[in-house]
Amino acid sequence: MTMSTKRNIYQELEHPFAQYIRIIGKGKTGARSLNFDEAYHAFHLILNKEVFDVQIGAFLMLLRVKEESIEELAGFVKATKDQLNFNPIQVDLDWPSYAGKRKHYPWFLLAALTLAKHGFNIVMHGAAGHTLNRVYTEQVLSYLDVPICQHQSEVESELQQRHFAYLPLTAISPVLDELINLRNLMGLRSPIHTLARLINPFDAKATLQSIFHPAYRSSHQHAALMLGYKNSAVIKGEGGEFERNPDAKTLICGIKNGILYEHELPKLTVTRSPSEDALDLALYKAVWEGTKEHTYGETAIIETMAIALYTMQQADSFEHALVKAQHFWHTR
């Protein structure tokens, strides 16, 4: 059946997806959030391409204005996870990277690579190029000669060889990759940027998530709990990536053994650190190789590692995790 034939049919009969647009878009008094089952079914239709483009645009932007609820987030993610074709593998830490960096280098990536050098299996996943004027993880990994995986077999091989594997969103879900790239067409981020961070494609023992806006911390935290994630940390990271910003207090909204907690880390600098004039990857690589120093960057690396170690329950306190992270960085 052609698309025009389908469209003609739905001029007479209501499209199955229309109910979900109506639920979230029926005015200030009539609208409500979707429950978990509604969110699951709505996103199942999207993932199976049973929805028209105009419906997807309306749905995503209505959610963006309303702000997605915890049940909506969890339902969208569960629908996505149920369509994945990955087999279980041993992953210690799931590390999403979807924001890109603009003002500072991606120090979080060196934190992840350092942990990998010390034997922790880390899977990082992300998408590149959906927001202009940013440096994305895929570009930096290529510069550091770290492969970009496309299949589970490659992920397993990289974890065995270097304990770190990066998987682009298009290899996880081509549909989600198409949707996240609507960013420049719409002019706004959509819930796809949020739910992608929660996918945890290999069901890692611990997960990290970063948000742009503080209000999203709690919804990410509670959605992770609803999805059954036992150990997780959500922070407002520098530039939107999971990276501790030394210039600001950092509130960790976490889950430890299935129990919610909050822990605030203090601001570490007296004055705000200057933004980089340009992101020179040669300098970045020199810091990684130990031939250059970068006070702000190395502080961000060690502090970010400490949060990851604490989330993975590799330390009984953040202070202990920080000592361990310092040792890891200096012995990389």
C-alpha atoms as a PDB file:
ATOM      1  CA  MET A   1       0.000   0.000   0.000  1.00  0.00           C
ATOM      2  CA  THR A   2       1.438   3.377  -1.011  1.00  0.00           C
ATOM      3  CA  MET A   3       1.773   6.328   1.357  1.00  0.00           C
ATOM      4  CA  SER A   4      -0.853   8.289  -0.604  1.00  0.00           C
ATOM      5  CA  THR A   5      -3.280   5.358  -0.325  1.00  0.00           C
ATOM      6  CA  LYS A   6      -2.715   5.201   3.430  1.00  0.00           C
ATOM      7  CA  ARG A   7      -3.256   8.949   3.696  1.00  0.00           C
ATOM      8  CA  ASN A   8      -6.565   8.679   1.836  1.00  0.00           C
ATOM      9  CA  ILE A   9      -7.718   5.911   4.167  1.00  0.00           C
ATOM     10  CA  TYR A  10      -6.903   7.987   7.247  1.00  0.00           C
ATOM     11  CA  GLN A  11      -8.844  10.940   5.883  1.00  0.00           C
ATOM     12  CA  GLU A  12     -11.911   8.822   6.625  1.00  0.00           C
ATOM     13  CA  LEU A  13     -10.670   6.713   9.568  1.00  0.00           C
ATOM     14  CA  GLU A  14      -8.630   8.079  12.481  1.00  0.00           C
ATOM     15  CA  HIS A  15      -4.997   7.003  12.412  1.00  0.00           C
ATOM     16  CA  PRO A  16      -4.015   4.815  15.427  1.00  0.00           C
ATOM     17  CA  PHE A  17      -1.330   7.341  16.403  1.00  0.00           C
ATOM     18  CA  ALA A  18      -3.719  10.308  16.421  1.00  0.00           C
ATOM     19  CA  GLN A  19      -4.970   9.462  19.924  1.00  0.00           C
ATOM     20  CA  TYR A  20      -1.504  10.027  21.377  1.00  0.00           C
ATOM     21  CA  ILE A  21      -1.126  13.450  19.769  1.00  0.00           C
ATOM     22  CA  ARG A  22      -4.575  14.330  21.101  1.00  0.00           C
ATOM     23  CA  ILE A  23      -3.780  13.201  24.647  1.00  0.00           C
ATOM     24  CA  ILE A  24      -0.725  15.469  25.000  1.00  0.00           C
ATOM     25  CA  GLY A  25      -1.968  18.314  22.801  1.00  0.00           C
ATOM     26  CA  LYS A  26      -5.592  18.873  23.808  1.00  0.00           C
ATOM     27  CA  GLY A  27      -5.140  22.332  25.304  1.00  0.00           C
ATOM     28  CA  LYS A  28      -4.211  23.550  28.783  1.00  0.00           C
ATOM     29  CA  THR A  29      -7.095  21.857  30.568  1.00  0.00           C
ATOM     30  CA  GLY A  30      -7.673  18.811  28.366  1.00  0.00           C
ATOM     31  CA  ALA A  31      -4.106  17.593  27.837  1.00  0.00           C
ATOM     32  CA  ARG A  32      -2.244  15.147  30.039  1.00  0.00           C
ATOM     33  CA  SER A  33       0.915  13.055  29.938  1.00  0.00           C
ATOM     34  CA  LEU A  34       0.878   9.546  28.498  1.00  0.00           C
ATOM     35  CA  ASN A  35       1.004   6.667  30.931  1.00  0.00           C
ATOM     36  CA  PHE A  36       3.711   3.999  30.541  1.00  0.00           C
ATOM     37  CA  ASP A  37       1.648   1.687  28.302  1.00  0.00           C
ATOM     38  CA  GLU A  38       0.499   4.553  26.060  1.00  0.00           C
ATOM     39  CA  ALA A  39       4.059   5.842  25.734  1.00  0.00           C
ATOM     40  CA  TYR A  40       5.308   2.344  24.930  1.00  0.00           C
ATOM     41  CA  HIS A  41       2.717   1.803  22.200  1.00  0.00           C
ATOM     42  CA  ALA A  42       3.147   5.280  20.723  1.00  0.00           C
ATOM     43  CA  PHE A  43       6.887   4.847  20.405  1.00  0.00           C
ATOM     44  CA  HIS A  44       6.480   1.285  19.129  1.00  0.00           C
ATOM     45  CA  LEU A  45       4.488   2.748  16.222  1.00  0.00           C
ATOM     46  CA  ILE A  46       7.211   5.332  15.570  1.00  0.00           C
ATOM     47  CA  LEU A  47      10.015   2.766  15.638  1.00  0.00           C
ATOM     48  CA  ASN A  48       8.085   0.550  13.214  1.00  0.00           C
ATOM     49  CA  LYS A  49       7.553   3.499  10.852  1.00  0.00           C
ATOM     50  CA  GLU A  50       3.776   3.247  11.132  1.00  0.00           C
ATOM     51  CA  VAL A  51       3.472   7.000  11.673  1.00  0.00           C
ATOM     52  CA  PHE A  52       3.483   9.886   9.192  1.00  0.00           C
ATOM     53  CA  ASP A  53       6.269  12.473   9.333  1.00  0.00           C
ATOM     54  CA  VAL A  54       3.812  15.248  10.191  1.00  0.00           C
ATOM     55  CA  GLN A  55       2.573  13.205  13.158  1.00  0.00           C
ATOM     56  CA  ILE A  56       6.116  12.635  14.428  1.00  0.00           C
ATOM     57  CA  GLY A  57       6.897  16.343  14.196  1.00  0.00           C
ATOM     58  CA  ALA A  58       3.730  17.301  16.065  1.00  0.00           C
ATOM     59  CA  PHE A  59       4.268  14.627  18.713  1.00  0.00           C
ATOM     60  CA  LEU A  60       7.907  15.469  19.418  1.00  0.00           C
ATOM     61  CA  MET A  61       7.355  19.214  19.608  1.00  0.00           C
ATOM     62  CA  LEU A  62       4.300  18.875  21.855  1.00  0.00           C
ATOM     63  CA  LEU A  63       6.393  16.740  24.177  1.00  0.00           C
ATOM     64  CA  ARG A  64       9.203  19.293  24.025  1.00  0.00           C
ATOM     65  CA  VAL A  65       6.871  22.095  25.117  1.00  0.00           C
ATOM     66  CA  LYS A  66       5.138  19.964  27.758  1.00  0.00           C
ATOM     67  CA  GLU A  67       8.368  18.273  28.921  1.00  0.00           C
ATOM     68  CA  GLU A  68       8.256  14.500  28.943  1.00  0.00           C
ATOM     69  CA  SER A  69       7.121  12.766  32.120  1.00  0.00           C
ATOM     70  CA  ILE A  70       8.917   9.925  33.899  1.00  0.00           C
ATOM     71  CA  GLU A  71       6.430   7.341  32.605  1.00  0.00           C
ATOM     72  CA  GLU A  72       6.716   8.685  29.061  1.00  0.00           C
ATOM     73  CA  LEU A  73      10.506   8.491  29.159  1.00  0.00           C
ATOM     74  CA  ALA A  74      10.483   4.976  30.575  1.00  0.00           C
ATOM     75  CA  GLY A  75       7.857   3.820  28.056  1.00  0.00           C
ATOM     76  CA  PHE A  76       9.811   5.233  25.108  1.00  0.00           C
ATOM     77  CA  VAL A  77      13.038   3.624  26.285  1.00  0.00           C
ATOM     78  CA  LYS A  78      11.428   0.239  26.979  1.00  0.00           C
ATOM     79  CA  ALA A  79       9.877   0.217  23.485  1.00  0.00           C
ATOM     80  CA  THR A  80      13.339   0.923  22.070  1.00  0.00           C
ATOM     81  CA  LYS A  81      15.102  -1.724  24.178  1.00  0.00           C
ATOM     82  CA  ASP A  82      12.537  -4.358  23.220  1.00  0.00           C
ATOM     83  CA  GLN A  83      13.492  -3.921  19.565  1.00  0.00           C
ATOM     84  CA  LEU A  84      17.253  -4.193  20.033  1.00  0.00           C
ATOM     85  CA  ASN A  85      19.018  -7.267  18.673  1.00  0.00           C
ATOM     86  CA  PHE A  86      21.999  -7.385  21.034  1.00  0.00           C
ATOM     87  CA  ASN A  87      23.012 -10.412  23.081  1.00  0.00           C
ATOM     88  CA  PRO A  88      24.025  -9.976  26.744  1.00  0.00           C
ATOM     89  CA  ILE A  89      27.690  -9.110  27.352  1.00  0.00           C
ATOM     90  CA  GLN A  90      29.548  -8.070  30.495  1.00  0.00           C
ATOM     91  CA  VAL A  91      29.634  -4.270  30.622  1.00  0.00           C
ATOM     92  CA  ASP A  92      30.570  -2.387  33.788  1.00  0.00           C
ATOM     93  CA  LEU A  93      29.480   1.088  32.722  1.00  0.00           C
ATOM     94  CA  ASP A  94      27.135   2.535  30.107  1.00  0.00           C
ATOM     95  CA  TRP A  95      28.266   6.058  29.133  1.00  0.00           C
ATOM     96  CA  PRO A  96      26.037   8.067  26.753  1.00  0.00           C
ATOM     97  CA  SER A  97      27.605  10.934  24.780  1.00  0.00           C
ATOM     98  CA  TYR A  98      25.071  12.940  22.786  1.00  0.00           C
ATOM     99  CA  ALA A  99      25.794  16.626  23.407  1.00  0.00           C
ATOM    100  CA  GLY A 100      29.200  17.370  21.920  1.00  0.00           C
ATOM    101  CA  LYS A 101      31.509  20.068  23.319  1.00  0.00           C
ATOM    102  CA  ARG A 102      31.955  23.707  22.365  1.00  0.00           C
ATOM    103  CA  LYS A 103      33.572  25.746  25.167  1.00  0.00           C
ATOM    104  CA  HIS A 104      35.819  23.089  26.707  1.00  0.00           C
ATOM    105  CA  TYR A 105      37.528  19.926  25.510  1.00  0.00           C
ATOM    106  CA  PRO A 106      35.738  16.577  25.966  1.00  0.00           C
ATOM    107  CA  TRP A 107      37.638  15.713  29.144  1.00  0.00           C
ATOM    108  CA  PHE A 108      34.993  13.107  30.031  1.00  0.00           C
ATOM    109  CA  LEU A 109      36.312  10.943  27.208  1.00  0.00           C
ATOM    110  CA  LEU A 110      39.783  10.796  28.765  1.00  0.00           C
ATOM    111  CA  ALA A 111      38.116   9.869  32.064  1.00  0.00           C
ATOM    112  CA  ALA A 112      36.391   6.944  30.342  1.00  0.00           C
ATOM    113  CA  LEU A 113      39.560   5.837  28.529  1.00  0.00           C
ATOM    114  CA  THR A 114      41.537   5.977  31.777  1.00  0.00           C
ATOM    115  CA  LEU A 115      39.000   3.755  33.527  1.00  0.00           C
ATOM    116  CA  ALA A 116      39.196   1.374  30.572  1.00  0.00           C
ATOM    117  CA  LYS A 117      42.989   1.251  30.896  1.00  0.00           C
ATOM    118  CA  HIS A 118      42.444   0.043  34.449  1.00  0.00           C
ATOM    119  CA  GLY A 119      40.213  -2.827  33.321  1.00  0.00           C
ATOM    120  CA  PHE A 120      36.644  -1.509  33.484  1.00  0.00           C
ATOM    121  CA  ASN A 121      34.473  -2.499  30.502  1.00  0.00           C
ATOM    122  CA  ILE A 122      32.876   0.703  29.223  1.00  0.00           C
ATOM    123  CA  VAL A 123      30.437   1.091  26.337  1.00  0.00           C
ATOM    124  CA  MET A 124      29.932   4.640  25.121  1.00  0.00           C
ATOM    125  CA  HIS A 125      27.214   5.473  22.597  1.00  0.00           C
ATOM    126  CA  GLY A 126      26.214   8.709  20.941  1.00  0.00           C
ATOM    127  CA  ALA A 127      25.349  10.677  17.838  1.00  0.00           C
ATOM    128  CA  ALA A 128      27.338  13.289  15.952  1.00  0.00           C
ATOM    129  CA  GLY A 129      26.508  16.418  14.030  1.00  0.00           C
ATOM    130  CA  HIS A 130      22.916  17.024  15.122  1.00  0.00           C
ATOM    131  CA  THR A 131      23.845  20.425  16.648  1.00  0.00           C
ATOM    132  CA  LEU A 132      26.024  22.910  14.798  1.00  0.00           C
ATOM    133  CA  ASN A 133      29.430  24.187  15.980  1.00  0.00           C
ATOM    134  CA  ARG A 134      30.232  21.350  18.364  1.00  0.00           C
ATOM    135  CA  VAL A 135      33.001  18.767  18.534  1.00  0.00           C
ATOM    136  CA  TYR A 136      31.574  15.258  18.904  1.00  0.00           C
ATOM    137  CA  THR A 137      32.981  12.145  20.501  1.00  0.00           C
ATOM    138  CA  GLU A 138      33.223  10.200  17.233  1.00  0.00           C
ATOM    139  CA  GLN A 139      35.498  12.878  15.757  1.00  0.00           C
ATOM    140  CA  VAL A 140      37.753  12.882  18.827  1.00  0.00           C
ATOM    141  CA  LEU A 141      37.947   9.085  19.014  1.00  0.00           C
ATOM    142  CA  SER A 142      38.976   8.945  15.364  1.00  0.00           C
ATOM    143  CA  TYR A 143      41.728  11.469  16.106  1.00  0.00           C
ATOM    144  CA  LEU A 144      42.922   9.240  18.973  1.00  0.00           C
ATOM    145  CA  ASP A 145      42.829   6.177  16.661  1.00  0.00           C
ATOM    146  CA  VAL A 146      40.035   4.498  18.619  1.00  0.00           C
ATOM    147  CA  PRO A 147      37.701   2.528  16.300  1.00  0.00           C
ATOM    148  CA  ILE A 148      33.993   3.288  15.905  1.00  0.00           C
ATOM    149  CA  CYS A 149      32.045   0.041  16.214  1.00  0.00           C
ATOM    150  CA  GLN A 150      29.087  -0.836  14.006  1.00  0.00           C
ATOM    151  CA  HIS A 151      28.168  -4.329  15.233  1.00  0.00           C
ATOM    152  CA  GLN A 152      28.090  -6.243  18.503  1.00  0.00           C
ATOM    153  CA  SER A 153      31.010  -8.432  17.423  1.00  0.00           C
ATOM    154  CA  GLU A 154      33.148  -5.301  17.096  1.00  0.00           C
ATOM    155  CA  VAL A 155      32.009  -4.081  20.520  1.00  0.00           C
ATOM    156  CA  GLU A 156      33.013  -7.424  22.051  1.00  0.00           C
ATOM    157  CA  SER A 157      36.389  -7.320  20.304  1.00  0.00           C
ATOM    158  CA  GLU A 158      37.130  -3.774  21.485  1.00  0.00           C
ATOM    159  CA  LEU A 159      36.115  -4.576  25.056  1.00  0.00           C
ATOM    160  CA  GLN A 160      38.434  -7.567  25.017  1.00  0.00           C
ATOM    161  CA  GLN A 161      41.342  -5.567  23.595  1.00  0.00           C
ATOM    162  CA  ARG A 162      41.002  -2.174  25.296  1.00  0.00           C
ATOM    163  CA  HIS A 163      37.944  -2.415  27.621  1.00  0.00           C
ATOM    164  CA  PHE A 164      36.328   0.494  25.753  1.00  0.00           C
ATOM    165  CA  ALA A 165      33.905   0.452  22.831  1.00  0.00           C
ATOM    166  CA  TYR A 166      31.995   3.236  21.117  1.00  0.00           C
ATOM    167  CA  LEU A 167      28.765   2.512  19.263  1.00  0.00           C
ATOM    168  CA  PRO A 168      26.983   5.238  17.236  1.00  0.00           C
ATOM    169  CA  LEU A 169      23.236   5.623  17.636  1.00  0.00           C
ATOM    170  CA  THR A 170      22.675   4.607  14.024  1.00  0.00           C
ATOM    171  CA  ALA A 171      24.084   1.148  14.895  1.00  0.00           C
ATOM    172  CA  ILE A 172      21.703   0.887  17.852  1.00  0.00           C
ATOM    173  CA  SER A 173      18.569   2.239  16.172  1.00  0.00           C
ATOM    174  CA  PRO A 174      18.583   3.799  12.698  1.00  0.00           C
ATOM    175  CA  VAL A 175      15.134   5.262  13.381  1.00  0.00           C
ATOM    176  CA  LEU A 176      16.326   7.083  16.510  1.00  0.00           C
ATOM    177  CA  ASP A 177      19.331   8.350  14.569  1.00  0.00           C
ATOM    178  CA  GLU A 178      17.020   9.823  11.940  1.00  0.00           C
ATOM    179  CA  LEU A 179      14.891  11.449  14.628  1.00  0.00           C
ATOM    180  CA  ILE A 180      17.791  12.961  16.569  1.00  0.00           C
ATOM    181  CA  ASN A 181      19.037  14.556  13.370  1.00  0.00           C
ATOM    182  CA  LEU A 182      15.798  16.538  13.107  1.00  0.00           C
ATOM    183  CA  ARG A 183      17.435  18.953  15.594  1.00  0.00           C
ATOM    184  CA  ASN A 184      18.526  21.430  12.920  1.00  0.00           C
ATOM    185  CA  LEU A 185      15.264  21.086  10.986  1.00  0.00           C
ATOM    186  CA  MET A 186      13.106  21.761  14.041  1.00  0.00           C
ATOM    187  CA  GLY A 187      15.408  24.283  15.691  1.00  0.00           C
ATOM    188  CA  LEU A 188      14.846  22.530  19.030  1.00  0.00           C
ATOM    189  CA  ARG A 189      16.052  19.439  20.801  1.00  0.00           C
ATOM    190  CA  SER A 190      13.408  16.748  21.201  1.00  0.00           C
ATOM    191  CA  PRO A 191      12.779  13.930  23.701  1.00  0.00           C
ATOM    192  CA  ILE A 192      15.023  11.747  21.518  1.00  0.00           C
ATOM    193  CA  HIS A 193      18.056  13.488  23.040  1.00  0.00           C
ATOM    194  CA  THR A 194      16.736  12.502  26.457  1.00  0.00           C
ATOM    195  CA  LEU A 195      15.679   8.908  25.866  1.00  0.00           C
ATOM    196  CA  ALA A 196      18.853   8.027  23.915  1.00  0.00           C
ATOM    197  CA  ARG A 197      20.846   8.591  27.102  1.00  0.00           C
ATOM    198  CA  LEU A 198      18.727   5.988  28.904  1.00  0.00           C
ATOM    199  CA  ILE A 199      18.920   3.131  26.399  1.00  0.00           C
ATOM    200  CA  ASN A 200      21.792   1.198  28.050  1.00  0.00           C
ATOM    201  CA  PRO A 201      21.863  -1.211  25.083  1.00  0.00           C
ATOM    202  CA  PHE A 202      23.884  -3.962  26.793  1.00  0.00           C
ATOM    203  CA  ASP A 203      22.301  -3.643  30.251  1.00  0.00           C
ATOM    204  CA  ALA A 204      25.503  -2.490  31.926  1.00  0.00           C
ATOM    205  CA  LYS A 205      25.802  -2.863  35.690  1.00  0.00           C
ATOM    206  CA  ALA A 206      25.926   0.936  36.108  1.00  0.00           C
ATOM    207  CA  THR A 207      24.797   3.860  33.970  1.00  0.00           C
ATOM    208  CA  LEU A 208      25.710   7.537  33.665  1.00  0.00           C
ATOM    209  CA  GLN A 209      23.486  10.314  32.328  1.00  0.00           C
ATOM    210  CA  SER A 210      24.026  14.005  31.797  1.00  0.00           C
ATOM    211  CA  ILE A 211      21.417  16.724  31.314  1.00  0.00           C
ATOM    212  CA  PHE A 212      21.437  20.346  30.121  1.00  0.00           C
ATOM    213  CA  HIS A 213      18.655  21.659  32.344  1.00  0.00           C
ATOM    214  CA  PRO A 214      18.610  20.964  36.111  1.00  0.00           C
ATOM    215  CA  ALA A 215      14.868  20.219  36.058  1.00  0.00           C
ATOM    216  CA  TYR A 216      15.561  17.044  34.062  1.00  0.00           C
ATOM    217  CA  ARG A 217      17.825  15.518  36.730  1.00  0.00           C
ATOM    218  CA  SER A 218      14.968  14.016  38.740  1.00  0.00           C
ATOM    219  CA  SER A 219      13.041  12.701  35.726  1.00  0.00           C
ATOM    220  CA  HIS A 220      16.157  10.944  34.370  1.00  0.00           C
ATOM    221  CA  GLN A 221      16.865   9.500  37.808  1.00  0.00           C
ATOM    222  CA  HIS A 222      13.324   8.192  38.341  1.00  0.00           C
ATOM    223  CA  ALA A 223      13.004   6.897  34.769  1.00  0.00           C
ATOM    224  CA  ALA A 224      16.219   4.908  35.270  1.00  0.00           C
ATOM    225  CA  LEU A 225      14.743   3.441  38.443  1.00  0.00           C
ATOM    226  CA  MET A 226      11.496   2.559  36.633  1.00  0.00           C
ATOM    227  CA  LEU A 227      13.567   0.794  33.961  1.00  0.00           C
ATOM    228  CA  GLY A 228      15.183  -1.338  36.646  1.00  0.00           C
ATOM    229  CA  TYR A 229      18.655   0.220  36.611  1.00  0.00           C
ATOM    230  CA  LYS A 230      20.201  -0.528  40.006  1.00  0.00           C
ATOM    231  CA  ASN A 231      23.205   1.828  39.940  1.00  0.00           C
ATOM    232  CA  SER A 232      23.087   5.129  38.129  1.00  0.00           C
ATOM    233  CA  ALA A 233      24.172   8.769  38.323  1.00  0.00           C
ATOM    234  CA  VAL A 234      22.662  11.860  36.707  1.00  0.00           C
ATOM    235  CA  ILE A 235      24.429  15.234  36.713  1.00  0.00           C
ATOM    236  CA  LYS A 236      24.249  18.577  34.961  1.00  0.00           C
ATOM    237  CA  GLY A 237      27.463  18.055  33.045  1.00  0.00           C
ATOM    238  CA  GLU A 238      29.626  20.630  31.295  1.00  0.00           C
ATOM    239  CA  GLY A 239      28.204  21.298  27.852  1.00  0.00           C
ATOM    240  CA  GLY A 240      25.605  18.576  28.372  1.00  0.00           C
ATOM    241  CA  GLU A 241      28.106  15.711  28.520  1.00  0.00           C
ATOM    242  CA  PHE A 242      28.732  13.563  31.597  1.00  0.00           C
ATOM    243  CA  GLU A 243      31.629  15.677  32.815  1.00  0.00           C
ATOM    244  CA  ARG A 244      32.104  17.316  36.199  1.00  0.00           C
ATOM    245  CA  ASN A 245      32.343  21.102  35.856  1.00  0.00           C
ATOM    246  CA  PRO A 246      34.912  22.366  38.411  1.00  0.00           C
ATOM    247  CA  ASP A 247      33.418  25.885  38.122  1.00  0.00           C
ATOM    248  CA  ALA A 248      30.065  24.884  39.634  1.00  0.00           C
ATOM    249  CA  LYS A 249      28.474  22.811  42.357  1.00  0.00           C
ATOM    250  CA  THR A 250      27.495  19.405  41.016  1.00  0.00           C
ATOM    251  CA  LEU A 251      24.429  17.614  42.346  1.00  0.00           C
ATOM    252  CA  ILE A 252      24.483  13.865  41.738  1.00  0.00           C
ATOM    253  CA  CYS A 253      20.995  12.377  41.533  1.00  0.00           C
ATOM    254  CA  GLY A 254      21.835   8.727  41.830  1.00  0.00           C
ATOM    255  CA  ILE A 255      20.648   5.191  42.393  1.00  0.00           C
ATOM    256  CA  LYS A 256      22.660   2.828  44.572  1.00  0.00           C
ATOM    257  CA  ASN A 257      21.487  -0.788  44.822  1.00  0.00           C
ATOM    258  CA  GLY A 258      18.042   0.329  43.680  1.00  0.00           C
ATOM    259  CA  ILE A 259      17.768   3.143  46.240  1.00  0.00           C
ATOM    260  CA  LEU A 260      17.556   6.821  45.231  1.00  0.00           C
ATOM    261  CA  TYR A 261      20.069   9.270  46.700  1.00  0.00           C
ATOM    262  CA  GLU A 262      21.446  12.780  46.196  1.00  0.00           C
ATOM    263  CA  HIS A 263      24.983  13.986  46.841  1.00  0.00           C
ATOM    264  CA  GLU A 264      26.285  17.490  46.147  1.00  0.00           C
ATOM    265  CA  LEU A 265      29.903  18.207  45.232  1.00  0.00           C
ATOM    266  CA  PRO A 266      31.283  21.705  45.904  1.00  0.00           C
ATOM    267  CA  LYS A 267      32.494  24.272  43.425  1.00  0.00           C
ATOM    268  CA  LEU A 268      36.265  23.873  43.048  1.00  0.00           C
ATOM    269  CA  THR A 269      37.380  27.163  41.478  1.00  0.00           C
ATOM    270  CA  VAL A 270      37.315  30.728  42.787  1.00  0.00           C
ATOM    271  CA  THR A 271      36.633  32.313  39.403  1.00  0.00           C
ATOM    272  CA  ARG A 272      35.118  30.822  36.253  1.00  0.00           C
ATOM    273  CA  SER A 273      37.686  29.152  34.041  1.00  0.00           C
ATOM    274  CA  PRO A 274      38.025  30.747  30.592  1.00  0.00           C
ATOM    275  CA  SER A 275      36.567  28.957  27.577  1.00  0.00           C
ATOM    276  CA  GLU A 276      39.004  27.626  25.014  1.00  0.00           C
ATOM    277  CA  ASP A 277      39.681  29.909  22.038  1.00  0.00           C
ATOM    278  CA  ALA A 278      39.623  26.797  19.864  1.00  0.00           C
ATOM    279  CA  LEU A 279      39.489  23.075  20.513  1.00  0.00           C
ATOM    280  CA  ASP A 280      42.944  22.022  19.311  1.00  0.00           C
ATOM    281  CA  LEU A 281      42.895  18.234  19.380  1.00  0.00           C
ATOM    282  CA  ALA A 282      46.702  18.108  19.181  1.00  0.00           C
ATOM    283  CA  LEU A 283      46.884  19.762  22.616  1.00  0.00           C
ATOM    284  CA  TYR A 284      44.136  17.461  23.889  1.00  0.00           C
ATOM    285  CA  LYS A 285      46.043  14.388  22.713  1.00  0.00           C
ATOM    286  CA  ALA A 286      49.238  15.724  24.332  1.00  0.00           C
ATOM    287  CA  VAL A 287      47.439  15.932  27.694  1.00  0.00           C
ATOM    288  CA  TRP A 288      46.319  12.325  27.242  1.00  0.00           C
ATOM    289  CA  GLU A 289      49.866  11.248  26.409  1.00  0.00           C
ATOM    290  CA  GLY A 290      51.287  13.168  29.367  1.00  0.00           C
ATOM    291  CA  THR A 291      53.445  15.609  27.411  1.00  0.00           C
ATOM    292  CA  LYS A 292      51.241  18.624  28.286  1.00  0.00           C
ATOM    293  CA  GLU A 293      49.390  19.687  31.428  1.00  0.00           C
ATOM    294  CA  HIS A 294      45.965  21.295  31.691  1.00  0.00           C
ATOM    295  CA  THR A 295      44.822  22.241  35.189  1.00  0.00           C
ATOM    296  CA  TYR A 296      41.111  22.647  34.422  1.00  0.00           C
ATOM    297  CA  GLY A 297      41.017  19.575  32.206  1.00  0.00           C
ATOM    298  CA  GLU A 298      42.824  17.244  34.573  1.00  0.00           C
ATOM    299  CA  THR A 299      40.621  18.360  37.450  1.00  0.00           C
ATOM    300  CA  ALA A 300      37.534  17.618  35.333  1.00  0.00           C
ATOM    301  CA  ILE A 301      38.930  14.203  34.337  1.00  0.00           C
ATOM    302  CA  ILE A 302      39.729  13.085  37.875  1.00  0.00           C
ATOM    303  CA  GLU A 303      36.451  14.378  39.347  1.00  0.00           C
ATOM    304  CA  THR A 304      34.418  12.755  36.549  1.00  0.00           C
ATOM    305  CA  MET A 305      36.236   9.472  37.080  1.00  0.00           C
ATOM    306  CA  ALA A 306      35.487   9.660  40.790  1.00  0.00           C
ATOM    307  CA  ILE A 307      31.743   9.962  40.127  1.00  0.00           C
ATOM    308  CA  ALA A 308      31.927   6.983  37.762  1.00  0.00           C
ATOM    309  CA  LEU A 309      33.857   4.890  40.291  1.00  0.00           C
ATOM    310  CA  TYR A 310      31.407   5.753  43.047  1.00  0.00           C
ATOM    311  CA  THR A 311      28.482   4.870  40.759  1.00  0.00           C
ATOM    312  CA  MET A 312      30.082   1.500  39.962  1.00  0.00           C
ATOM    313  CA  GLN A 313      30.485   0.934  43.724  1.00  0.00           C
ATOM    314  CA  GLN A 314      34.262   0.824  43.463  1.00  0.00           C
ATOM    315  CA  ALA A 315      34.540   3.033  46.561  1.00  0.00           C
ATOM    316  CA  ASP A 316      32.497   3.358  49.745  1.00  0.00           C
ATOM    317  CA  SER A 317      32.614   7.175  49.637  1.00  0.00           C
ATOM    318  CA  PHE A 318      33.167   9.890  47.083  1.00  0.00           C
ATOM    319  CA  GLU A 319      36.382  10.902  48.872  1.00  0.00           C
ATOM    320  CA  HIS A 320      37.729   7.360  48.505  1.00  0.00           C
ATOM    321  CA  ALA A 321      36.654   7.354  44.851  1.00  0.00           C
ATOM    322  CA  LEU A 322      38.532  10.621  44.303  1.00  0.00           C
ATOM    323  CA  VAL A 323      41.772   9.195  45.707  1.00  0.00           C
ATOM    324  CA  LYS A 324      41.366   6.156  43.455  1.00  0.00           C
ATOM    325  CA  ALA A 325      40.672   8.375  40.419  1.00  0.00           C
ATOM    326  CA  GLN A 326      43.816  10.442  41.065  1.00  0.00           C
ATOM    327  CA  HIS A 327      45.871   7.257  41.218  1.00  0.00           C
ATOM    328  CA  PHE A 328      44.312   5.954  38.006  1.00  0.00           C
ATOM    329  CA  TRP A 329      45.057   9.180  36.121  1.00  0.00           C
ATOM    330  CA  HIS A 330      48.681   9.321  37.244  1.00  0.00           C
ATOM    331  CA  THR A 331      49.283   5.658  36.411  1.00  0.00           C
ATOM    332  CA  ARG A 332      47.490   5.554  33.064  1.00  0.00           C
END
